[in-house]
Amino acid sequence: MTLIAVYKDDKCVGRCDARCYNAKGEDCKCVCMGTNHGRGFDEARSNTDANGDKLAREYEKVNPDTSVHVK
């Protein structure tokens, strides 16, 4: 399940999904910028629910030509 998706020109260019929150040891390169990495679905979903707006604002600062959508 995708927790956060990034769009540019109406096309999805990145997301935070199971490859991130179920990861084992890789570096995080997704929208959460490491916040949900390896945390498991329940913790990552709870974190995204509580902090999604903050995650979106931080990501958009680094990538100003994108639009982040929190589900």
PDB file of N, CA and C in Angstrom:
ATOM      1  N   MET A   1       0.839  -1.183   0.000  1.00  0.00           N
ATOM      2  CA  MET A   1       0.000   0.000   0.000  1.00  0.00           C
ATOM      3  C   MET A   1       0.884   1.246   0.000  1.00  0.00           C
ATOM      4  N   THR A   2       0.532   2.201  -0.840  1.00  0.00           N
ATOM      5  CA  THR A   2       1.247   3.472  -0.911  1.00  0.00           C
ATOM      6  C   THR A   2       0.749   4.407   0.176  1.00  0.00           C
ATOM      7  N   LEU A   3       1.677   4.963   0.948  1.00  0.00           N
ATOM      8  CA  LEU A   3       1.332   5.900   2.015  1.00  0.00           C
ATOM      9  C   LEU A   3       1.436   7.346   1.553  1.00  0.00           C
ATOM     10  N   ILE A   4       2.447   7.643   0.743  1.00  0.00           N
ATOM     11  CA  ILE A   4       2.654   8.991   0.218  1.00  0.00           C
ATOM     12  C   ILE A   4       3.093   8.836  -1.232  1.00  0.00           C
ATOM     13  N   ALA A   5       2.524   9.630  -2.113  1.00  0.00           N
ATOM     14  CA  ALA A   5       2.914   9.598  -3.524  1.00  0.00           C
ATOM     15  C   ALA A   5       3.330  10.993  -3.968  1.00  0.00           C
ATOM     16  N   VAL A   6       4.296  11.053  -4.875  1.00  0.00           N
ATOM     17  CA  VAL A   6       4.803  12.311  -5.413  1.00  0.00           C
ATOM     18  C   VAL A   6       4.454  12.385  -6.892  1.00  0.00           C
ATOM     19  N   TYR A   7       3.923  13.530  -7.289  1.00  0.00           N
ATOM     20  CA  TYR A   7       3.525  13.732  -8.680  1.00  0.00           C
ATOM     21  C   TYR A   7       4.245  14.918  -9.285  1.00  0.00           C
ATOM     22  N   LYS A   8       4.537  14.792 -10.560  1.00  0.00           N
ATOM     23  CA  LYS A   8       5.081  15.896 -11.342  1.00  0.00           C
ATOM     24  C   LYS A   8       4.343  15.867 -12.672  1.00  0.00           C
ATOM     25  N   ASP A   9       3.721  16.958 -13.014  1.00  0.00           N
ATOM     26  CA  ASP A   9       2.948  17.029 -14.256  1.00  0.00           C
ATOM     27  C   ASP A   9       1.926  15.896 -14.338  1.00  0.00           C
ATOM     28  N   ASP A  10       1.209  15.650 -13.256  1.00  0.00           N
ATOM     29  CA  ASP A  10       0.167  14.625 -13.166  1.00  0.00           C
ATOM     30  C   ASP A  10       0.671  13.193 -13.316  1.00  0.00           C
ATOM     31  N   LYS A  11       1.971  12.976 -13.232  1.00  0.00           N
ATOM     32  CA  LYS A  11       2.547  11.636 -13.328  1.00  0.00           C
ATOM     33  C   LYS A  11       3.231  11.298 -12.007  1.00  0.00           C
ATOM     34  N   CYS A  12       2.943  10.108 -11.474  1.00  0.00           N
ATOM     35  CA  CYS A  12       3.577   9.664 -10.235  1.00  0.00           C
ATOM     36  C   CYS A  12       5.059   9.404 -10.503  1.00  0.00           C
ATOM     37  N   VAL A  13       5.922  10.090  -9.733  1.00  0.00           N
ATOM     38  CA  VAL A  13       7.364   9.945  -9.917  1.00  0.00           C
ATOM     39  C   VAL A  13       8.044   9.341  -8.685  1.00  0.00           C
ATOM     40  N   GLY A  14       7.282   9.062  -7.636  1.00  0.00           N
ATOM     41  CA  GLY A  14       7.836   8.450  -6.435  1.00  0.00           C
ATOM     42  C   GLY A  14       6.761   8.177  -5.418  1.00  0.00           C
ATOM     43  N   ARG A  15       7.082   7.270  -4.500  1.00  0.00           N
ATOM     44  CA  ARG A  15       6.098   6.936  -3.463  1.00  0.00           C
ATOM     45  C   ARG A  15       6.792   6.301  -2.267  1.00  0.00           C
ATOM     46  N   CYS A  16       6.092   6.296  -1.169  1.00  0.00           N
ATOM     47  CA  CYS A  16       6.512   5.562   0.021  1.00  0.00           C
ATOM     48  C   CYS A  16       5.551   4.377   0.126  1.00  0.00           C
ATOM     49  N   ASP A  17       6.091   3.183  -0.062  1.00  0.00           N
ATOM     50  CA  ASP A  17       5.266   1.986  -0.046  1.00  0.00           C
ATOM     51  C   ASP A  17       6.024   0.852   0.650  1.00  0.00           C
ATOM     52  N   ALA A  18       5.600  -0.383   0.435  1.00  0.00           N
ATOM     53  CA  ALA A  18       6.184  -1.534   1.131  1.00  0.00           C
ATOM     54  C   ALA A  18       7.687  -1.680   0.904  1.00  0.00           C
ATOM     55  N   ARG A  19       8.183  -1.225  -0.239  1.00  0.00           N
ATOM     56  CA  ARG A  19       9.640  -1.288  -0.459  1.00  0.00           C
ATOM     57  C   ARG A  19      10.383  -0.451   0.570  1.00  0.00           C
ATOM     58  N   CYS A  20       9.731   0.540   1.120  1.00  0.00           N
ATOM     59  CA  CYS A  20      10.331   1.386   2.146  1.00  0.00           C
ATOM     60  C   CYS A  20      10.020   0.854   3.547  1.00  0.00           C
ATOM     61  N   TYR A  21       8.739   0.824   3.912  1.00  0.00           N
ATOM     62  CA  TYR A  21       8.407   0.499   5.303  1.00  0.00           C
ATOM     63  C   TYR A  21       8.688  -0.952   5.682  1.00  0.00           C
ATOM     64  N   ASN A  22       8.884  -1.840   4.715  1.00  0.00           N
ATOM     65  CA  ASN A  22       9.289  -3.214   5.003  1.00  0.00           C
ATOM     66  C   ASN A  22      10.759  -3.469   4.683  1.00  0.00           C
ATOM     67  N   ALA A  23      11.513  -2.426   4.394  1.00  0.00           N
ATOM     68  CA  ALA A  23      12.916  -2.559   3.987  1.00  0.00           C
ATOM     69  C   ALA A  23      13.774  -3.110   5.112  1.00  0.00           C
ATOM     70  N   LYS A  24      14.825  -3.789   4.704  1.00  0.00           N
ATOM     71  CA  LYS A  24      15.802  -4.338   5.635  1.00  0.00           C
ATOM     72  C   LYS A  24      17.184  -3.822   5.251  1.00  0.00           C
ATOM     73  N   GLY A  25      17.594  -2.703   5.797  1.00  0.00           N
ATOM     74  CA  GLY A  25      18.965  -2.247   5.674  1.00  0.00           C
ATOM     75  C   GLY A  25      19.344  -1.327   4.530  1.00  0.00           C
ATOM     76  N   GLU A  26      18.556  -1.227   3.465  1.00  0.00           N
ATOM     77  CA  GLU A  26      18.941  -0.329   2.375  1.00  0.00           C
ATOM     78  C   GLU A  26      18.767   1.124   2.807  1.00  0.00           C
ATOM     79  N   ASP A  27      19.424   2.020   2.093  1.00  0.00           N
ATOM     80  CA  ASP A  27      19.218   3.443   2.330  1.00  0.00           C
ATOM     81  C   ASP A  27      17.877   3.857   1.755  1.00  0.00           C
ATOM     82  N   CYS A  28      17.184   4.743   2.445  1.00  0.00           N
ATOM     83  CA  CYS A  28      15.885   5.217   1.980  1.00  0.00           C
ATOM     84  C   CYS A  28      16.076   6.338   0.972  1.00  0.00           C
ATOM     85  N   LYS A  29      15.371   6.207  -0.154  1.00  0.00           N
ATOM     86  CA  LYS A  29      15.434   7.228  -1.191  1.00  0.00           C
ATOM     87  C   LYS A  29      14.034   7.666  -1.590  1.00  0.00           C
ATOM     88  N   CYS A  30      13.046   7.404  -0.740  1.00  0.00           N
ATOM     89  CA  CYS A  30      11.675   7.696  -1.138  1.00  0.00           C
ATOM     90  C   CYS A  30      11.160   8.980  -0.491  1.00  0.00           C
ATOM     91  N   VAL A  31       9.883   9.210  -0.637  1.00  0.00           N
ATOM     92  CA  VAL A  31       9.238  10.446  -0.214  1.00  0.00           C
ATOM     93  C   VAL A  31       9.364  10.710   1.285  1.00  0.00           C
ATOM     94  N   CYS A  32       9.373   9.662   2.097  1.00  0.00           N
ATOM     95  CA  CYS A  32       9.433   9.869   3.553  1.00  0.00           C
ATOM     96  C   CYS A  32      10.818  10.306   4.007  1.00  0.00           C
ATOM     97  N   MET A  33      11.798  10.222   3.121  1.00  0.00           N
ATOM     98  CA  MET A  33      13.175  10.624   3.416  1.00  0.00           C
ATOM     99  C   MET A  33      13.707   9.928   4.665  1.00  0.00           C
ATOM    100  N   GLY A  34      13.297   8.660   4.846  1.00  0.00           N
ATOM    101  CA  GLY A  34      13.820   7.840   5.930  1.00  0.00           C
ATOM    102  C   GLY A  34      12.923   7.689   7.135  1.00  0.00           C
ATOM    103  N   THR A  35      11.908   8.503   7.265  1.00  0.00           N
ATOM    104  CA  THR A  35      11.042   8.477   8.446  1.00  0.00           C
ATOM    105  C   THR A  35      10.323   7.146   8.621  1.00  0.00           C
ATOM    106  N   ASN A  36       9.856   6.539   7.532  1.00  0.00           N
ATOM    107  CA  ASN A  36       9.117   5.280   7.613  1.00  0.00           C
ATOM    108  C   ASN A  36       9.973   4.056   7.298  1.00  0.00           C
ATOM    109  N   HIS A  37      11.213   4.257   6.946  1.00  0.00           N
ATOM    110  CA  HIS A  37      12.069   3.189   6.444  1.00  0.00           C
ATOM    111  C   HIS A  37      12.264   2.066   7.468  1.00  0.00           C
ATOM    112  N   GLY A  38      11.838   0.863   7.079  1.00  0.00           N
ATOM    113  CA  GLY A  38      12.016  -0.315   7.915  1.00  0.00           C
ATOM    114  C   GLY A  38      11.118  -0.379   9.133  1.00  0.00           C
ATOM    115  N   ARG A  39      10.115   0.467   9.212  1.00  0.00           N
ATOM    116  CA  ARG A  39       9.259   0.551  10.403  1.00  0.00           C
ATOM    117  C   ARG A  39       8.092  -0.427  10.397  1.00  0.00           C
ATOM    118  N   GLY A  40       7.815  -1.059   9.274  1.00  0.00           N
ATOM    119  CA  GLY A  40       6.640  -1.910   9.160  1.00  0.00           C
ATOM    120  C   GLY A  40       5.415  -1.068   8.841  1.00  0.00           C
ATOM    121  N   PHE A  41       4.402  -1.726   8.255  1.00  0.00           N
ATOM    122  CA  PHE A  41       3.232  -1.008   7.774  1.00  0.00           C
ATOM    123  C   PHE A  41       2.506  -0.239   8.861  1.00  0.00           C
ATOM    124  N   ASP A  42       2.202  -0.872   9.992  1.00  0.00           N
ATOM    125  CA  ASP A  42       1.382  -0.221  11.015  1.00  0.00           C
ATOM    126  C   ASP A  42       2.034   1.051  11.555  1.00  0.00           C
ATOM    127  N   GLU A  43       3.317   0.968  11.878  1.00  0.00           N
ATOM    128  CA  GLU A  43       4.006   2.154  12.401  1.00  0.00           C
ATOM    129  C   GLU A  43       4.145   3.232  11.325  1.00  0.00           C
ATOM    130  N   ALA A  44       4.461   2.817  10.092  1.00  0.00           N
ATOM    131  CA  ALA A  44       4.607   3.785   9.004  1.00  0.00           C
ATOM    132  C   ALA A  44       3.277   4.473   8.703  1.00  0.00           C
ATOM    133  N   ARG A  45       2.187   3.739   8.714  1.00  0.00           N
ATOM    134  CA  ARG A  45       0.876   4.345   8.457  1.00  0.00           C
ATOM    135  C   ARG A  45       0.514   5.316   9.576  1.00  0.00           C
ATOM    136  N   SER A  46       0.750   4.915  10.800  1.00  0.00           N
ATOM    137  CA  SER A  46       0.472   5.796  11.935  1.00  0.00           C
ATOM    138  C   SER A  46       1.324   7.061  11.856  1.00  0.00           C
ATOM    139  N   ASN A  47       2.600   6.896  11.530  1.00  0.00           N
ATOM    140  CA  ASN A  47       3.494   8.037  11.398  1.00  0.00           C
ATOM    141  C   ASN A  47       3.045   8.956  10.265  1.00  0.00           C
ATOM    142  N   THR A  48       2.647   8.385   9.141  1.00  0.00           N
ATOM    143  CA  THR A  48       2.201   9.184   8.011  1.00  0.00           C
ATOM    144  C   THR A  48       0.904   9.912   8.346  1.00  0.00           C
ATOM    145  N   ASP A  49      -0.013   9.238   9.037  1.00  0.00           N
ATOM    146  CA  ASP A  49      -1.253   9.890   9.458  1.00  0.00           C
ATOM    147  C   ASP A  49      -0.964  11.092  10.351  1.00  0.00           C
ATOM    148  N   ALA A  50      -0.019  10.931  11.269  1.00  0.00           N
ATOM    149  CA  ALA A  50       0.286  11.995  12.226  1.00  0.00           C
ATOM    150  C   ALA A  50       1.173  13.087  11.643  1.00  0.00           C
ATOM    151  N   ASN A  51       2.045  12.729  10.704  1.00  0.00           N
ATOM    152  CA  ASN A  51       3.069  13.663  10.229  1.00  0.00           C
ATOM    153  C   ASN A  51       3.088  13.857   8.723  1.00  0.00           C
ATOM    154  N   GLY A  52       2.071  13.409   8.021  1.00  0.00           N
ATOM    155  CA  GLY A  52       2.070  13.468   6.555  1.00  0.00           C
ATOM    156  C   GLY A  52       2.250  14.859   5.997  1.00  0.00           C
ATOM    157  N   ASP A  53       1.583  15.841   6.577  1.00  0.00           N
ATOM    158  CA  ASP A  53       1.734  17.211   6.087  1.00  0.00           C
ATOM    159  C   ASP A  53       3.171  17.693   6.238  1.00  0.00           C
ATOM    160  N   LYS A  54       3.793  17.383   7.347  1.00  0.00           N
ATOM    161  CA  LYS A  54       5.189  17.776   7.581  1.00  0.00           C
ATOM    162  C   LYS A  54       6.104  17.070   6.579  1.00  0.00           C
ATOM    163  N   LEU A  55       5.894  15.764   6.367  1.00  0.00           N
ATOM    164  CA  LEU A  55       6.703  15.030   5.398  1.00  0.00           C
ATOM    165  C   LEU A  55       6.569  15.641   4.007  1.00  0.00           C
ATOM    166  N   ALA A  56       5.338  15.975   3.632  1.00  0.00           N
ATOM    167  CA  ALA A  56       5.085  16.561   2.317  1.00  0.00           C
ATOM    168  C   ALA A  56       5.795  17.903   2.166  1.00  0.00           C
ATOM    169  N   ARG A  57       5.697  18.757   3.164  1.00  0.00           N
ATOM    170  CA  ARG A  57       6.350  20.073   3.092  1.00  0.00           C
ATOM    171  C   ARG A  57       7.863  19.929   2.988  1.00  0.00           C
ATOM    172  N   GLU A  58       8.446  19.013   3.774  1.00  0.00           N
ATOM    173  CA  GLU A  58       9.899  18.817   3.738  1.00  0.00           C
ATOM    174  C   GLU A  58      10.352  18.290   2.381  1.00  0.00           C
ATOM    175  N   TYR A  59       9.608  17.333   1.830  1.00  0.00           N
ATOM    176  CA  TYR A  59       9.966  16.792   0.527  1.00  0.00           C
ATOM    177  C   TYR A  59       9.845  17.857  -0.557  1.00  0.00           C
ATOM    178  N   GLU A  60       8.781  18.640  -0.512  1.00  0.00           N
ATOM    179  CA  GLU A  60       8.571  19.670  -1.526  1.00  0.00           C
ATOM    180  C   GLU A  60       9.630  20.772  -1.451  1.00  0.00           C
ATOM    181  N   LYS A  61      10.209  21.017  -0.274  1.00  0.00           N
ATOM    182  CA  LYS A  61      11.307  21.990  -0.168  1.00  0.00           C
ATOM    183  C   LYS A  61      12.518  21.525  -0.970  1.00  0.00           C
ATOM    184  N   VAL A  62      12.795  20.226  -0.906  1.00  0.00           N
ATOM    185  CA  VAL A  62      13.936  19.655  -1.610  1.00  0.00           C
ATOM    186  C   VAL A  62      13.627  19.465  -3.093  1.00  0.00           C
ATOM    187  N   ASN A  63      12.356  19.249  -3.412  1.00  0.00           N
ATOM    188  CA  ASN A  63      11.913  18.980  -4.785  1.00  0.00           C
ATOM    189  C   ASN A  63      10.756  19.915  -5.130  1.00  0.00           C
ATOM    190  N   PRO A  64      11.007  21.198  -5.327  1.00  0.00           N
ATOM    191  CA  PRO A  64       9.932  22.177  -5.463  1.00  0.00           C
ATOM    192  C   PRO A  64       9.057  22.012  -6.699  1.00  0.00           C
ATOM    193  N   ASP A  65       9.466  21.218  -7.665  1.00  0.00           N
ATOM    194  CA  ASP A  65       8.652  21.043  -8.869  1.00  0.00           C
ATOM    195  C   ASP A  65       7.729  19.829  -8.780  1.00  0.00           C
ATOM    196  N   THR A  66       7.571  19.287  -7.561  1.00  0.00           N
ATOM    197  CA  THR A  66       6.708  18.124  -7.365  1.00  0.00           C
ATOM    198  C   THR A  66       5.531  18.487  -6.480  1.00  0.00           C
ATOM    199  N   SER A  67       4.559  17.601  -6.447  1.00  0.00           N
ATOM    200  CA  SER A  67       3.390  17.754  -5.601  1.00  0.00           C
ATOM    201  C   SER A  67       3.192  16.450  -4.838  1.00  0.00           C
ATOM    202  N   VAL A  68       3.223  16.516  -3.498  1.00  0.00           N
ATOM    203  CA  VAL A  68       3.107  15.321  -2.669  1.00  0.00           C
ATOM    204  C   VAL A  68       1.657  15.137  -2.250  1.00  0.00           C
ATOM    205  N   HIS A  69       1.186  13.912  -2.355  1.00  0.00           N
ATOM    206  CA  HIS A  69      -0.185  13.559  -1.937  1.00  0.00           C
ATOM    207  C   HIS A  69      -0.109  12.527  -0.828  1.00  0.00           C
ATOM    208  N   VAL A  70      -0.720  12.832   0.304  1.00  0.00           N
ATOM    209  CA  VAL A  70      -0.758  11.923   1.446  1.00  0.00           C
ATOM    210  C   VAL A  70      -2.109  11.235   1.432  1.00  0.00           C
ATOM    211  N   LYS A  71      -2.094   9.895   1.484  1.00  0.00           N
ATOM    212  CA  LYS A  71      -3.361   9.142   1.487  1.00  0.00           C
ATOM    213  C   LYS A  71      -3.816   8.886   2.897  1.00  0.00           C
TER     214      LYS A  71
END
